N, C-alpha and C. Protein backbone atom coordinates (compact mmCIF):
# COMPACT_ATOMS: atom_id res chain seq x y z
N MET A 1 6.81 147.06 283.73
CA MET A 1 6.42 145.72 284.05
C MET A 1 5.28 145.23 283.16
N LEU A 2 4.30 146.04 282.88
CA LEU A 2 3.15 145.61 282.09
C LEU A 2 3.55 145.04 280.72
N PRO A 3 4.41 145.72 279.94
CA PRO A 3 4.77 145.12 278.64
C PRO A 3 5.42 143.75 278.79
N ASN A 4 6.24 143.56 279.83
CA ASN A 4 6.88 142.27 280.02
C ASN A 4 5.87 141.19 280.36
N VAL A 5 4.90 141.50 281.22
CA VAL A 5 3.88 140.53 281.60
C VAL A 5 3.04 140.16 280.38
N VAL A 6 2.62 141.15 279.62
CA VAL A 6 1.84 140.87 278.42
C VAL A 6 2.68 140.07 277.42
N GLY A 7 3.93 140.46 277.24
CA GLY A 7 4.81 139.73 276.33
C GLY A 7 5.01 138.29 276.77
N MET A 8 5.16 138.06 278.07
CA MET A 8 5.33 136.71 278.59
C MET A 8 4.07 135.90 278.38
N SER A 9 2.94 136.47 278.73
CA SER A 9 1.70 135.71 278.68
C SER A 9 1.31 135.33 277.26
N GLN A 10 1.67 136.15 276.31
CA GLN A 10 1.30 135.86 274.93
C GLN A 10 2.49 135.62 274.04
N HIS A 11 3.67 135.84 274.56
CA HIS A 11 4.92 135.77 273.80
C HIS A 11 4.73 136.55 272.50
N ALA A 12 3.92 137.62 272.62
CA ALA A 12 3.50 138.40 271.46
C ALA A 12 4.61 139.28 270.90
N ASP A 13 5.63 139.51 271.69
CA ASP A 13 6.70 140.40 271.23
C ASP A 13 7.82 139.64 270.51
N GLY A 14 7.60 138.35 270.25
CA GLY A 14 8.62 137.57 269.57
C GLY A 14 9.83 137.31 270.45
N GLY A 15 9.71 137.51 271.74
CA GLY A 15 10.81 137.25 272.66
C GLY A 15 11.74 138.42 272.88
N PHE A 16 11.38 139.60 272.39
CA PHE A 16 12.26 140.75 272.53
C PHE A 16 12.25 141.31 273.95
N MET A 17 11.08 141.31 274.60
CA MET A 17 11.02 141.85 275.97
C MET A 17 11.02 140.72 277.00
N ALA A 18 10.38 139.64 276.67
CA ALA A 18 10.34 138.50 277.59
C ALA A 18 11.37 137.48 277.13
N THR A 19 12.07 136.90 278.07
CA THR A 19 13.11 135.95 277.70
C THR A 19 12.58 134.55 277.49
N LYS A 20 11.32 134.32 277.84
CA LYS A 20 10.71 133.01 277.61
C LYS A 20 9.19 133.15 277.64
N PRO A 21 8.49 132.28 276.92
CA PRO A 21 7.03 132.32 276.99
C PRO A 21 6.58 131.79 278.34
N TYR A 22 5.48 132.28 278.83
CA TYR A 22 4.95 131.82 280.09
C TYR A 22 4.03 130.65 279.78
N ALA A 23 4.57 129.45 279.83
CA ALA A 23 3.81 128.25 279.52
C ALA A 23 4.19 127.17 280.52
N GLY A 24 3.26 126.32 280.84
CA GLY A 24 3.54 125.23 281.76
C GLY A 24 2.67 124.03 281.45
N GLY A 25 3.13 122.88 281.86
CA GLY A 25 2.39 121.65 281.65
C GLY A 25 1.54 121.29 282.86
N GLY A 26 0.93 120.13 282.78
CA GLY A 26 0.03 119.67 283.82
C GLY A 26 0.70 119.51 285.18
N ALA A 27 1.94 119.05 285.20
CA ALA A 27 2.64 118.87 286.48
C ALA A 27 2.82 120.20 287.19
N TYR A 28 3.14 121.23 286.44
CA TYR A 28 3.30 122.57 287.02
C TYR A 28 1.97 123.08 287.57
N ILE A 29 0.92 122.90 286.80
CA ILE A 29 -0.40 123.35 287.23
C ILE A 29 -0.83 122.61 288.49
N LYS A 30 -0.59 121.30 288.52
CA LYS A 30 -0.95 120.50 289.70
C LYS A 30 -0.16 120.95 290.93
N ARG A 31 1.14 121.21 290.74
CA ARG A 31 2.00 121.61 291.86
C ARG A 31 1.65 123.00 292.39
N MET A 32 1.26 123.91 291.49
CA MET A 32 1.08 125.30 291.87
C MET A 32 -0.37 125.70 292.14
N SER A 33 -1.32 124.78 291.97
CA SER A 33 -2.72 125.14 292.16
C SER A 33 -3.51 123.96 292.71
N ASP A 34 -4.80 124.17 292.84
CA ASP A 34 -5.68 123.07 293.24
C ASP A 34 -6.66 122.72 292.12
N TYR A 35 -6.35 123.09 290.90
CA TYR A 35 -7.25 122.86 289.78
C TYR A 35 -7.35 121.39 289.37
N CYS A 36 -6.37 120.58 289.71
CA CYS A 36 -6.34 119.19 289.24
C CYS A 36 -7.09 118.23 290.15
N GLY A 37 -7.59 118.72 291.25
CA GLY A 37 -8.22 117.86 292.25
C GLY A 37 -9.22 116.85 291.71
N GLY A 38 -10.21 117.27 290.99
CA GLY A 38 -11.24 116.37 290.49
C GLY A 38 -11.12 116.06 289.02
N CYS A 39 -9.99 116.33 288.45
CA CYS A 39 -9.81 116.17 287.00
C CYS A 39 -9.64 114.70 286.61
N VAL A 40 -10.21 114.33 285.48
CA VAL A 40 -10.10 112.95 284.98
C VAL A 40 -8.77 112.69 284.28
N TYR A 41 -8.04 113.74 283.96
CA TYR A 41 -6.77 113.58 283.26
C TYR A 41 -5.63 113.44 284.25
N ASP A 42 -4.57 112.77 283.81
CA ASP A 42 -3.38 112.55 284.64
C ASP A 42 -2.24 113.41 284.10
N PRO A 43 -1.73 114.35 284.89
CA PRO A 43 -0.67 115.24 284.42
C PRO A 43 0.61 114.51 284.01
N LYS A 44 0.77 113.26 284.43
CA LYS A 44 1.96 112.48 284.08
C LYS A 44 1.82 111.77 282.74
N VAL A 45 0.60 111.77 282.18
CA VAL A 45 0.32 111.04 280.94
C VAL A 45 0.25 112.03 279.78
N ARG A 46 0.99 111.71 278.70
CA ARG A 46 1.06 112.61 277.55
C ARG A 46 0.20 112.16 276.38
N VAL A 47 -0.04 110.86 276.25
CA VAL A 47 -0.75 110.33 275.08
C VAL A 47 -1.87 109.41 275.55
N GLY A 48 -3.02 109.51 274.89
CA GLY A 48 -4.15 108.63 275.20
C GLY A 48 -5.30 109.36 275.85
N GLU A 49 -6.32 108.57 276.22
CA GLU A 49 -7.54 109.14 276.78
C GLU A 49 -7.31 109.86 278.10
N ARG A 50 -6.37 109.38 278.91
CA ARG A 50 -6.11 110.00 280.22
C ARG A 50 -5.03 111.06 280.14
N ALA A 51 -4.55 111.35 278.93
CA ALA A 51 -3.48 112.34 278.76
C ALA A 51 -3.97 113.73 279.15
N CYS A 52 -3.19 114.39 279.98
CA CYS A 52 -3.52 115.75 280.38
C CYS A 52 -3.30 116.69 279.18
N PRO A 53 -4.33 117.43 278.78
CA PRO A 53 -4.18 118.34 277.64
C PRO A 53 -3.11 119.41 277.87
N PHE A 54 -2.91 119.79 279.11
CA PHE A 54 -1.88 120.80 279.40
C PHE A 54 -0.48 120.22 279.26
N THR A 55 -0.30 118.98 279.70
CA THR A 55 1.01 118.33 279.58
C THR A 55 1.33 118.10 278.11
N ALA A 56 0.42 117.46 277.39
CA ALA A 56 0.65 117.18 275.98
C ALA A 56 0.78 118.47 275.18
N GLY A 57 -0.07 119.43 275.47
CA GLY A 57 -0.02 120.71 274.76
C GLY A 57 1.28 121.46 275.00
N TYR A 58 1.80 121.38 276.22
CA TYR A 58 3.07 122.04 276.55
C TYR A 58 4.21 121.49 275.70
N TRP A 59 4.32 120.15 275.65
CA TRP A 59 5.42 119.55 274.89
C TRP A 59 5.24 119.77 273.39
N ALA A 60 4.01 119.72 272.90
CA ALA A 60 3.77 119.98 271.48
C ALA A 60 4.11 121.43 271.14
N PHE A 61 3.76 122.36 272.03
CA PHE A 61 4.10 123.77 271.84
C PHE A 61 5.61 123.96 271.77
N LEU A 62 6.33 123.38 272.74
CA LEU A 62 7.79 123.53 272.74
C LEU A 62 8.41 122.96 271.47
N GLN A 63 7.91 121.82 271.02
CA GLN A 63 8.44 121.24 269.78
C GLN A 63 8.19 122.17 268.60
N ARG A 64 7.01 122.76 268.55
CA ARG A 64 6.63 123.63 267.44
C ARG A 64 7.47 124.91 267.40
N VAL A 65 7.77 125.48 268.56
CA VAL A 65 8.49 126.76 268.60
C VAL A 65 9.98 126.61 268.90
N ARG A 66 10.45 125.40 268.99
CA ARG A 66 11.85 125.13 269.33
C ARG A 66 12.85 125.96 268.53
N PRO A 67 12.71 126.05 267.22
CA PRO A 67 13.69 126.84 266.47
C PRO A 67 13.77 128.30 266.91
N ARG A 68 12.66 128.85 267.35
CA ARG A 68 12.64 130.26 267.79
C ARG A 68 13.22 130.43 269.20
N LEU A 69 13.22 129.36 269.99
CA LEU A 69 13.63 129.48 271.39
C LEU A 69 15.01 128.90 271.69
N GLU A 70 15.62 128.26 270.71
CA GLU A 70 16.90 127.57 270.95
C GLU A 70 18.01 128.48 271.45
N ASP A 71 17.98 129.73 271.11
CA ASP A 71 19.05 130.65 271.53
C ASP A 71 18.80 131.28 272.90
N SER A 72 17.68 130.97 273.52
CA SER A 72 17.36 131.55 274.82
C SER A 72 17.93 130.66 275.93
N PRO A 73 18.89 131.18 276.71
CA PRO A 73 19.45 130.38 277.80
C PRO A 73 18.39 129.94 278.81
N ARG A 74 17.35 130.72 278.99
CA ARG A 74 16.31 130.38 279.96
C ARG A 74 15.43 129.22 279.48
N MET A 75 15.49 128.89 278.20
CA MET A 75 14.68 127.79 277.67
C MET A 75 15.48 126.51 277.46
N SER A 76 16.78 126.55 277.68
CA SER A 76 17.62 125.39 277.36
C SER A 76 17.21 124.13 278.12
N ARG A 77 16.88 124.26 279.39
CA ARG A 77 16.50 123.08 280.18
C ARG A 77 15.21 122.46 279.64
N ALA A 78 14.21 123.28 279.39
CA ALA A 78 12.94 122.76 278.87
C ALA A 78 13.12 122.13 277.50
N LEU A 79 13.92 122.75 276.65
CA LEU A 79 14.13 122.21 275.31
C LEU A 79 14.93 120.91 275.35
N ARG A 80 15.85 120.77 276.30
CA ARG A 80 16.56 119.50 276.46
C ARG A 80 15.60 118.40 276.87
N GLY A 81 14.55 118.78 277.59
CA GLY A 81 13.53 117.82 277.99
C GLY A 81 12.84 117.18 276.79
N LEU A 82 12.72 117.92 275.72
CA LEU A 82 12.12 117.37 274.50
C LEU A 82 12.90 116.16 273.99
N ASP A 83 14.21 116.21 274.14
CA ASP A 83 15.07 115.13 273.64
C ASP A 83 14.92 113.85 274.44
N ARG A 84 14.35 113.94 275.63
CA ARG A 84 14.17 112.75 276.48
C ARG A 84 12.79 112.12 276.34
N ILE A 85 11.92 112.72 275.56
CA ILE A 85 10.56 112.21 275.43
C ILE A 85 10.51 111.22 274.26
N ALA A 86 10.41 109.94 274.61
CA ALA A 86 10.42 108.88 273.58
C ALA A 86 9.18 108.94 272.68
N ASP A 87 8.05 109.37 273.23
CA ASP A 87 6.81 109.39 272.44
C ASP A 87 6.46 110.79 271.92
N LEU A 88 7.47 111.62 271.71
CA LEU A 88 7.23 113.00 271.29
C LEU A 88 6.45 113.08 269.98
N ASP A 89 6.77 112.24 269.01
CA ASP A 89 6.03 112.26 267.74
C ASP A 89 4.55 111.95 267.96
N ALA A 90 4.26 111.00 268.83
CA ALA A 90 2.86 110.66 269.14
C ALA A 90 2.16 111.82 269.85
N VAL A 91 2.88 112.50 270.73
CA VAL A 91 2.31 113.66 271.43
C VAL A 91 1.96 114.76 270.43
N VAL A 92 2.90 115.07 269.55
CA VAL A 92 2.69 116.12 268.56
C VAL A 92 1.53 115.76 267.62
N ASP A 93 1.48 114.51 267.16
CA ASP A 93 0.39 114.07 266.29
C ASP A 93 -0.96 114.17 267.01
N GLN A 94 -1.00 113.74 268.26
CA GLN A 94 -2.24 113.81 269.04
C GLN A 94 -2.72 115.25 269.17
N GLU A 95 -1.80 116.14 269.50
CA GLU A 95 -2.19 117.54 269.70
C GLU A 95 -2.57 118.20 268.38
N ARG A 96 -1.93 117.82 267.31
CA ARG A 96 -2.30 118.36 266.00
C ARG A 96 -3.72 117.92 265.67
N SER A 97 -4.06 116.66 265.98
CA SER A 97 -5.41 116.18 265.68
C SER A 97 -6.46 116.85 266.58
N ARG A 98 -6.05 117.29 267.76
CA ARG A 98 -6.95 118.03 268.64
C ARG A 98 -7.09 119.48 268.20
N GLY A 99 -6.20 119.91 267.33
CA GLY A 99 -6.23 121.30 266.87
C GLY A 99 -5.44 122.22 267.77
N ALA A 100 -4.70 121.67 268.75
CA ALA A 100 -3.94 122.49 269.68
C ALA A 100 -2.60 122.95 269.10
N ALA A 101 -2.06 122.22 268.16
CA ALA A 101 -0.77 122.58 267.59
C ALA A 101 -0.94 122.92 266.13
N ALA A 102 -0.25 123.95 265.71
CA ALA A 102 -0.31 124.36 264.30
C ALA A 102 0.46 123.35 263.46
N PRO A 103 0.04 123.13 262.21
CA PRO A 103 0.74 122.18 261.35
C PRO A 103 2.15 122.61 261.03
């Protein structure tokens, strides 16, 4: 179990042991915890001053690693979500300027 948990948390094994990276956006964090209670960011907003860094970072991360994850059946739903985001280019540019996404 330990190698799988470490592989999931860091996706350090290149996906050989874990079938998907353990990553989530602001909506997931809000639903599964109480961390968003006093936060100034909105998990539903991806771009702008009120954009949740976890939400924007999640979508920018998926866009960046999409070629590596396209063959994973467990990632197909999340990757299809990328195709529905009209402002994806703005999200990726914003996160790149924040330094959260690699060029």
